[in-house]
């Protein structure tokens, strides 16, 4: 289902993407944003590793959470996370190009569910993230002007 406000909301979400915040420090890149979906990628570097030399769960969680945030804010209204879980299936290793793909699943009232899968270069699923969002009464387009600071 295409939201009639999604086109302007997608542009607004892209405009407020914060490259100077955590997303920028982690080296995340927005690859695609559309109504209810988003793809965000990153290359796993040494600073993203845990003490065992594989991808730190927090780095992978942040990648998935950022894709989730972009996808759920394309629906017209400012939307925040109200819960999430992540399941790690395989380790990420240095040099992996990771892709998080978030997709809208369903909505009931002001709550929506999104699934996010993180893939490596071999198209293997490394983690599955499920996010629950809550829609506020504020318009996403109001934040693209810089009034959110």
N, C-alpha and C. Protein backbone atom coordinates (compact mmCIF):
# COMPACT_ATOMS: atom_id res chain seq x y z
N UNK A 1 0.84 -1.18 0.00
CA UNK A 1 0.00 0.00 0.00
C UNK A 1 0.89 1.24 0.00
N UNK A 2 0.70 2.13 -0.96
CA UNK A 2 1.47 3.35 -1.06
C UNK A 2 0.75 4.46 -0.31
N UNK A 3 1.45 5.07 0.61
CA UNK A 3 0.94 6.19 1.38
C UNK A 3 1.01 7.44 0.51
N UNK A 4 -0.10 8.21 0.42
CA UNK A 4 -0.13 9.39 -0.46
C UNK A 4 0.89 10.44 -0.04
N UNK A 5 1.30 10.46 1.24
CA UNK A 5 2.29 11.43 1.70
C UNK A 5 3.71 10.87 1.65
N UNK A 6 3.85 9.64 1.19
CA UNK A 6 5.16 8.97 1.25
C UNK A 6 6.22 9.66 0.41
N UNK A 7 5.85 10.15 -0.77
CA UNK A 7 6.86 10.75 -1.65
C UNK A 7 7.52 11.94 -0.96
N UNK A 8 6.73 12.86 -0.40
CA UNK A 8 7.33 14.01 0.29
C UNK A 8 8.00 13.57 1.58
N UNK A 9 7.47 12.55 2.24
CA UNK A 9 8.08 12.04 3.47
C UNK A 9 9.43 11.41 3.20
N UNK A 10 9.57 10.70 2.09
CA UNK A 10 10.84 10.09 1.72
C UNK A 10 11.89 11.18 1.53
N UNK A 11 11.53 12.24 0.83
CA UNK A 11 12.47 13.35 0.63
C UNK A 11 12.85 13.99 1.96
N UNK A 12 11.88 14.14 2.86
CA UNK A 12 12.15 14.73 4.17
C UNK A 12 13.07 13.85 5.00
N UNK A 13 12.85 12.54 4.97
CA UNK A 13 13.68 11.61 5.72
C UNK A 13 15.12 11.67 5.22
N UNK A 14 15.29 11.71 3.91
CA UNK A 14 16.64 11.83 3.34
C UNK A 14 17.31 13.13 3.77
N UNK A 15 16.52 14.20 3.85
CA UNK A 15 17.07 15.52 4.21
C UNK A 15 17.53 15.58 5.66
N UNK A 16 16.89 14.83 6.56
CA UNK A 16 17.27 14.91 7.97
C UNK A 16 18.23 13.81 8.41
N UNK A 17 18.63 12.94 7.48
CA UNK A 17 19.61 11.90 7.80
C UNK A 17 20.84 12.58 8.39
N UNK A 18 21.27 12.13 9.54
CA UNK A 18 22.33 12.81 10.27
C UNK A 18 23.68 12.14 10.04
N UNK A 19 24.43 12.67 9.09
CA UNK A 19 25.75 12.10 8.80
C UNK A 19 26.76 12.46 9.87
N UNK A 20 26.45 13.47 10.70
CA UNK A 20 27.38 13.86 11.75
C UNK A 20 27.11 13.15 13.07
N UNK A 21 26.02 12.43 13.16
CA UNK A 21 25.69 11.69 14.37
C UNK A 21 26.30 10.30 14.35
N UNK A 22 25.74 9.39 15.11
CA UNK A 22 26.26 8.03 15.20
C UNK A 22 26.34 7.36 13.84
N UNK A 23 25.33 7.58 13.00
CA UNK A 23 25.33 6.95 11.68
C UNK A 23 26.58 7.32 10.88
N UNK A 24 26.96 8.58 10.94
CA UNK A 24 28.16 9.03 10.24
C UNK A 24 29.42 8.45 10.84
N UNK A 25 29.48 8.39 12.16
CA UNK A 25 30.67 7.82 12.82
C UNK A 25 30.85 6.34 12.52
N UNK A 26 29.74 5.64 12.33
CA UNK A 26 29.82 4.21 12.00
C UNK A 26 30.09 3.98 10.52
N UNK A 27 29.99 5.04 9.72
CA UNK A 27 30.21 4.91 8.28
C UNK A 27 29.02 4.34 7.54
N UNK A 28 27.81 4.57 8.06
CA UNK A 28 26.61 4.06 7.40
C UNK A 28 26.28 4.90 6.17
N UNK A 29 25.75 4.25 5.17
CA UNK A 29 25.38 4.90 3.92
C UNK A 29 23.95 4.53 3.55
N UNK A 30 23.15 5.53 3.21
CA UNK A 30 21.78 5.27 2.78
C UNK A 30 21.81 4.89 1.30
N UNK A 31 21.38 3.67 1.00
CA UNK A 31 21.40 3.20 -0.38
C UNK A 31 20.05 3.39 -1.07
N UNK A 32 18.96 3.26 -0.31
CA UNK A 32 17.63 3.36 -0.91
C UNK A 32 16.60 3.64 0.18
N UNK A 33 15.67 4.55 -0.12
CA UNK A 33 14.55 4.82 0.78
C UNK A 33 13.31 4.99 -0.08
N UNK A 34 12.25 4.29 0.28
CA UNK A 34 10.95 4.41 -0.39
C UNK A 34 9.88 4.16 0.66
N UNK A 35 8.63 4.20 0.25
CA UNK A 35 7.52 4.04 1.18
C UNK A 35 7.61 2.72 1.95
N UNK A 36 7.95 2.81 3.24
CA UNK A 36 7.99 1.63 4.11
C UNK A 36 9.19 0.73 3.95
N UNK A 37 10.17 1.16 3.17
CA UNK A 37 11.39 0.35 3.01
C UNK A 37 12.63 1.23 3.04
N UNK A 38 13.75 0.63 3.44
CA UNK A 38 15.02 1.34 3.40
C UNK A 38 16.15 0.32 3.34
N UNK A 39 17.22 0.70 2.65
CA UNK A 39 18.44 -0.11 2.62
C UNK A 39 19.59 0.79 3.04
N UNK A 40 20.33 0.32 4.03
CA UNK A 40 21.48 1.05 4.58
C UNK A 40 22.65 0.09 4.61
N UNK A 41 23.84 0.58 4.25
CA UNK A 41 25.00 -0.30 4.21
C UNK A 41 26.17 0.28 4.98
N UNK A 42 27.13 -0.58 5.26
CA UNK A 42 28.39 -0.17 5.90
C UNK A 42 29.45 -1.22 5.61
N UNK A 43 30.69 -0.78 5.60
CA UNK A 43 31.81 -1.71 5.51
C UNK A 43 32.29 -1.93 6.94
N UNK A 44 32.46 -3.19 7.32
CA UNK A 44 32.89 -3.51 8.67
C UNK A 44 34.41 -3.31 8.78
N UNK A 45 34.80 -2.39 9.67
CA UNK A 45 36.21 -2.08 9.90
C UNK A 45 36.64 -2.60 11.28
N UNK A 46 37.93 -2.52 11.55
CA UNK A 46 38.48 -3.01 12.82
C UNK A 46 37.80 -2.37 14.04
N UNK A 47 37.44 -1.10 13.93
CA UNK A 47 36.81 -0.42 15.07
C UNK A 47 35.38 -0.91 15.34
N UNK A 48 34.84 -1.74 14.45
CA UNK A 48 33.50 -2.31 14.62
C UNK A 48 33.53 -3.71 15.23
N UNK A 49 34.70 -4.18 15.65
CA UNK A 49 34.84 -5.56 16.11
C UNK A 49 34.65 -5.70 17.62
N UNK A 50 34.26 -6.90 18.01
CA UNK A 50 34.19 -7.22 19.44
C UNK A 50 35.53 -7.82 19.87
N UNK A 51 35.64 -8.27 21.09
CA UNK A 51 36.92 -8.78 21.59
C UNK A 51 37.33 -10.10 20.97
N UNK A 52 36.43 -10.76 20.24
CA UNK A 52 36.76 -12.01 19.56
C UNK A 52 37.13 -11.80 18.10
N UNK A 53 37.13 -10.53 17.65
CA UNK A 53 37.55 -10.24 16.29
C UNK A 53 36.46 -10.35 15.23
N UNK A 54 35.20 -10.45 15.67
CA UNK A 54 34.08 -10.46 14.72
C UNK A 54 33.24 -9.20 14.96
N UNK A 55 32.29 -8.97 14.07
CA UNK A 55 31.47 -7.77 14.16
C UNK A 55 30.77 -7.63 15.50
N UNK A 56 30.93 -6.47 16.13
CA UNK A 56 30.29 -6.21 17.42
C UNK A 56 28.78 -6.15 17.23
N UNK A 57 28.05 -6.79 18.13
CA UNK A 57 26.59 -6.80 18.05
C UNK A 57 26.00 -5.40 18.04
N UNK A 58 26.64 -4.48 18.76
CA UNK A 58 26.14 -3.10 18.79
C UNK A 58 26.25 -2.41 17.45
N UNK A 59 27.31 -2.72 16.69
CA UNK A 59 27.47 -2.14 15.36
C UNK A 59 26.39 -2.67 14.42
N UNK A 60 26.15 -3.98 14.47
CA UNK A 60 25.11 -4.57 13.63
C UNK A 60 23.73 -4.08 14.04
N UNK A 61 23.49 -3.98 15.35
CA UNK A 61 22.21 -3.46 15.82
C UNK A 61 21.99 -2.04 15.32
N UNK A 62 23.02 -1.19 15.39
CA UNK A 62 22.90 0.19 14.94
C UNK A 62 22.59 0.27 13.45
N UNK A 63 23.22 -0.60 12.66
CA UNK A 63 22.94 -0.65 11.23
C UNK A 63 21.47 -0.99 10.99
N UNK A 64 20.98 -2.03 11.64
CA UNK A 64 19.58 -2.44 11.48
C UNK A 64 18.63 -1.37 11.99
N UNK A 65 18.94 -0.77 13.13
CA UNK A 65 18.09 0.25 13.73
C UNK A 65 17.99 1.47 12.82
N UNK A 66 19.07 1.83 12.16
CA UNK A 66 19.04 2.99 11.26
C UNK A 66 18.17 2.72 10.04
N UNK A 67 18.26 1.51 9.49
CA UNK A 67 17.39 1.16 8.35
C UNK A 67 15.93 1.17 8.80
N UNK A 68 15.66 0.62 9.96
CA UNK A 68 14.32 0.62 10.55
C UNK A 68 13.80 2.05 10.71
N UNK A 69 14.63 2.93 11.26
CA UNK A 69 14.21 4.32 11.48
C UNK A 69 13.86 5.02 10.17
N UNK A 70 14.68 4.81 9.16
CA UNK A 70 14.40 5.43 7.87
C UNK A 70 13.10 4.88 7.28
N UNK A 71 12.93 3.57 7.30
CA UNK A 71 11.74 2.96 6.71
C UNK A 71 10.46 3.41 7.40
N UNK A 72 10.47 3.45 8.72
CA UNK A 72 9.22 3.78 9.43
C UNK A 72 8.90 5.26 9.40
N UNK A 73 9.86 6.09 9.06
CA UNK A 73 9.58 7.53 8.97
C UNK A 73 9.21 7.99 7.57
N UNK A 74 8.99 7.06 6.65
CA UNK A 74 8.55 7.41 5.30
C UNK A 74 7.03 7.50 5.20
N UNK A 75 6.32 7.25 6.28
CA UNK A 75 4.85 7.15 6.22
C UNK A 75 4.14 8.47 6.52
N UNK A 76 4.89 9.58 6.61
CA UNK A 76 4.27 10.88 6.78
C UNK A 76 4.44 11.50 8.15
N UNK A 77 4.46 10.69 9.20
CA UNK A 77 4.54 11.20 10.56
C UNK A 77 5.83 10.76 11.23
N UNK A 78 6.32 11.59 12.15
CA UNK A 78 7.49 11.22 12.94
C UNK A 78 7.14 9.95 13.70
N UNK A 79 7.98 8.97 13.55
CA UNK A 79 7.74 7.65 14.12
C UNK A 79 8.97 7.23 14.91
N UNK A 80 8.76 6.71 16.10
CA UNK A 80 9.84 6.32 16.99
C UNK A 80 9.74 4.83 17.31
N UNK A 81 10.86 4.26 17.70
CA UNK A 81 10.86 2.85 18.09
C UNK A 81 10.18 2.69 19.44
N UNK A 82 9.35 1.66 19.55
CA UNK A 82 8.75 1.35 20.84
C UNK A 82 9.18 -0.04 21.32
N UNK A 83 9.97 -0.72 20.51
CA UNK A 83 10.52 -2.01 20.90
C UNK A 83 11.22 -2.65 19.73
N UNK A 84 12.17 -3.52 20.04
CA UNK A 84 12.86 -4.24 18.97
C UNK A 84 13.62 -5.42 19.54
N UNK A 85 13.89 -6.37 18.66
CA UNK A 85 14.72 -7.53 19.00
C UNK A 85 15.66 -7.80 17.84
N UNK A 86 16.75 -8.46 18.13
CA UNK A 86 17.68 -8.86 17.07
C UNK A 86 18.18 -10.26 17.39
N UNK A 87 18.30 -11.05 16.34
CA UNK A 87 18.82 -12.41 16.44
C UNK A 87 20.05 -12.48 15.53
N UNK A 88 21.19 -12.85 16.09
CA UNK A 88 22.43 -12.97 15.32
C UNK A 88 22.57 -14.41 14.85
N UNK A 89 22.76 -14.59 13.55
CA UNK A 89 22.84 -15.92 12.96
C UNK A 89 24.25 -16.33 12.55
N UNK A 90 25.03 -15.36 12.06
CA UNK A 90 26.39 -15.62 11.59
C UNK A 90 27.25 -14.42 11.97
N UNK A 91 28.56 -14.64 12.13
CA UNK A 91 29.44 -13.51 12.44
C UNK A 91 29.75 -12.67 11.20
N UNK A 92 29.95 -11.39 11.42
CA UNK A 92 30.45 -10.49 10.38
C UNK A 92 31.96 -10.38 10.57
N UNK A 93 32.70 -10.26 9.47
CA UNK A 93 34.15 -10.18 9.57
C UNK A 93 34.66 -8.90 8.91
N UNK A 94 35.85 -8.49 9.30
CA UNK A 94 36.45 -7.27 8.76
C UNK A 94 36.43 -7.31 7.25
N UNK A 95 36.02 -6.22 6.65
CA UNK A 95 35.96 -6.10 5.20
C UNK A 95 34.61 -6.43 4.61
N UNK A 96 33.75 -7.09 5.40
CA UNK A 96 32.40 -7.38 4.90
C UNK A 96 31.68 -6.08 4.57
N UNK A 97 31.02 -6.06 3.43
CA UNK A 97 30.09 -4.97 3.12
C UNK A 97 28.72 -5.46 3.58
N UNK A 98 28.20 -4.82 4.62
CA UNK A 98 26.94 -5.24 5.23
C UNK A 98 25.79 -4.41 4.69
N UNK A 99 24.68 -5.05 4.43
CA UNK A 99 23.48 -4.39 3.94
C UNK A 99 22.32 -4.71 4.86
N UNK A 100 21.67 -3.68 5.40
CA UNK A 100 20.45 -3.86 6.19
C UNK A 100 19.27 -3.44 5.33
N UNK A 101 18.33 -4.34 5.19
CA UNK A 101 17.14 -4.07 4.39
C UNK A 101 15.91 -4.12 5.30
N UNK A 102 15.27 -2.96 5.46
CA UNK A 102 14.09 -2.85 6.33
C UNK A 102 12.83 -2.81 5.47
N UNK A 103 11.80 -3.55 5.92
CA UNK A 103 10.53 -3.59 5.19
C UNK A 103 9.37 -3.52 6.17
N UNK A 104 8.39 -2.69 5.83
CA UNK A 104 7.15 -2.59 6.59
C UNK A 104 6.41 -3.91 6.49
N UNK A 105 5.85 -4.36 7.62
CA UNK A 105 5.10 -5.62 7.65
C UNK A 105 3.61 -5.35 7.81
N UNK A 106 3.23 -4.59 8.86
CA UNK A 106 1.81 -4.35 9.12
C UNK A 106 1.66 -3.19 10.09
N UNK A 107 0.46 -2.60 10.10
CA UNK A 107 0.12 -1.49 10.99
C UNK A 107 -1.22 -1.75 11.65
N UNK A 108 -1.28 -1.39 12.93
CA UNK A 108 -2.54 -1.42 13.67
C UNK A 108 -2.59 -0.14 14.49
N UNK A 109 -3.49 0.77 14.13
CA UNK A 109 -3.55 2.05 14.81
C UNK A 109 -2.28 2.84 14.55
N UNK A 110 -1.60 3.25 15.62
CA UNK A 110 -0.35 4.01 15.48
C UNK A 110 0.89 3.14 15.64
N UNK A 111 0.71 1.83 15.73
CA UNK A 111 1.84 0.90 15.87
C UNK A 111 2.06 0.14 14.56
N UNK A 112 3.32 0.00 14.20
CA UNK A 112 3.67 -0.78 13.01
C UNK A 112 4.82 -1.72 13.34
N UNK A 113 4.93 -2.77 12.53
CA UNK A 113 6.00 -3.75 12.66
C UNK A 113 6.82 -3.72 11.38
N UNK A 114 8.14 -3.77 11.56
CA UNK A 114 9.09 -3.79 10.44
C UNK A 114 10.07 -4.94 10.65
N UNK A 115 10.42 -5.61 9.56
CA UNK A 115 11.46 -6.62 9.59
C UNK A 115 12.71 -6.05 8.93
N UNK A 116 13.86 -6.32 9.53
CA UNK A 116 15.13 -5.89 8.96
C UNK A 116 16.05 -7.10 8.91
N UNK A 117 16.63 -7.34 7.75
CA UNK A 117 17.60 -8.41 7.60
C UNK A 117 18.95 -7.78 7.25
N UNK A 118 20.01 -8.29 7.87
CA UNK A 118 21.36 -7.83 7.56
C UNK A 118 22.06 -8.93 6.77
N UNK A 119 22.58 -8.55 5.60
CA UNK A 119 23.26 -9.46 4.69
C UNK A 119 24.74 -9.11 4.60
N UNK A 120 25.56 -10.12 4.29
CA UNK A 120 26.97 -9.87 3.98
C UNK A 120 27.17 -9.89 2.47
N UNK A 121 28.43 -9.80 2.03
CA UNK A 121 28.77 -9.80 0.60
C UNK A 121 28.32 -11.06 -0.12
N UNK A 122 28.22 -12.17 0.61
CA UNK A 122 27.83 -13.45 0.01
C UNK A 122 26.32 -13.64 0.00
N UNK A 123 25.59 -12.58 0.36
CA UNK A 123 24.12 -12.60 0.44
C UNK A 123 23.61 -13.56 1.52
N UNK A 124 24.46 -13.82 2.53
CA UNK A 124 24.05 -14.63 3.68
C UNK A 124 23.40 -13.71 4.70
N UNK A 125 22.35 -14.18 5.34
CA UNK A 125 21.71 -13.39 6.40
C UNK A 125 22.54 -13.54 7.67
N UNK A 126 23.02 -12.41 8.19
CA UNK A 126 23.81 -12.41 9.42
C UNK A 126 22.94 -12.19 10.65
N UNK A 127 21.90 -11.38 10.50
CA UNK A 127 21.04 -11.08 11.64
C UNK A 127 19.65 -10.71 11.16
N UNK A 128 18.67 -10.95 12.02
CA UNK A 128 17.28 -10.56 11.76
C UNK A 128 16.81 -9.71 12.92
N UNK A 129 16.33 -8.52 12.59
CA UNK A 129 15.89 -7.50 13.55
C UNK A 129 14.40 -7.30 13.32
N UNK A 130 13.64 -7.25 14.38
CA UNK A 130 12.21 -6.94 14.27
C UNK A 130 11.96 -5.70 15.10
N UNK A 131 11.40 -4.68 14.47
CA UNK A 131 11.14 -3.41 15.15
C UNK A 131 9.66 -3.09 15.22
N UNK A 132 9.27 -2.54 16.35
CA UNK A 132 7.90 -2.05 16.54
C UNK A 132 8.00 -0.54 16.68
N UNK A 133 7.19 0.17 15.91
CA UNK A 133 7.25 1.64 15.92
C UNK A 133 5.94 2.24 16.44
N UNK A 134 6.06 3.49 16.90
CA UNK A 134 4.89 4.26 17.33
C UNK A 134 4.88 5.57 16.56
N UNK A 135 3.76 5.85 15.92
CA UNK A 135 3.59 7.08 15.14
C UNK A 135 3.14 8.22 16.05
N UNK A 136 3.86 9.35 15.98
CA UNK A 136 3.47 10.54 16.73
C UNK A 136 2.54 11.40 15.87
N UNK A 137 2.13 12.54 16.38
CA UNK A 137 1.26 13.44 15.62
C UNK A 137 2.06 14.49 14.84
N UNK A 138 3.38 14.48 14.95
CA UNK A 138 4.22 15.46 14.24
C UNK A 138 4.51 14.97 12.83
N UNK A 139 4.52 15.90 11.88
CA UNK A 139 4.83 15.56 10.49
C UNK A 139 6.33 15.48 10.26
N UNK A 140 6.77 14.48 9.51
CA UNK A 140 8.18 14.34 9.17
C UNK A 140 8.64 15.56 8.38
N UNK A 141 7.80 16.06 7.52
CA UNK A 141 8.19 17.19 6.67
C UNK A 141 8.51 18.43 7.49
N UNK A 142 7.99 18.55 8.71
CA UNK A 142 8.30 19.70 9.57
C UNK A 142 9.75 19.67 10.04
N UNK A 143 10.38 18.51 10.05
CA UNK A 143 11.74 18.38 10.52
C UNK A 143 12.78 18.57 9.43
N UNK A 144 12.40 18.51 8.19
CA UNK A 144 13.37 18.64 7.11
C UNK A 144 13.87 20.06 6.92
N UNK A 145 13.20 21.03 7.55
CA UNK A 145 13.61 22.42 7.43
C UNK A 145 14.72 22.79 8.40
N UNK A 146 15.09 21.86 9.30
CA UNK A 146 16.13 22.14 10.29
C UNK A 146 15.57 22.58 11.62
N UNK A 147 14.25 22.56 11.77
CA UNK A 147 13.62 22.97 13.03
C UNK A 147 13.78 21.96 14.14
N UNK A 148 14.34 20.80 13.86
CA UNK A 148 14.46 19.74 14.86
C UNK A 148 15.66 19.91 15.77
N UNK A 149 16.43 20.95 15.60
CA UNK A 149 17.64 21.12 16.41
C UNK A 149 17.44 22.14 17.49
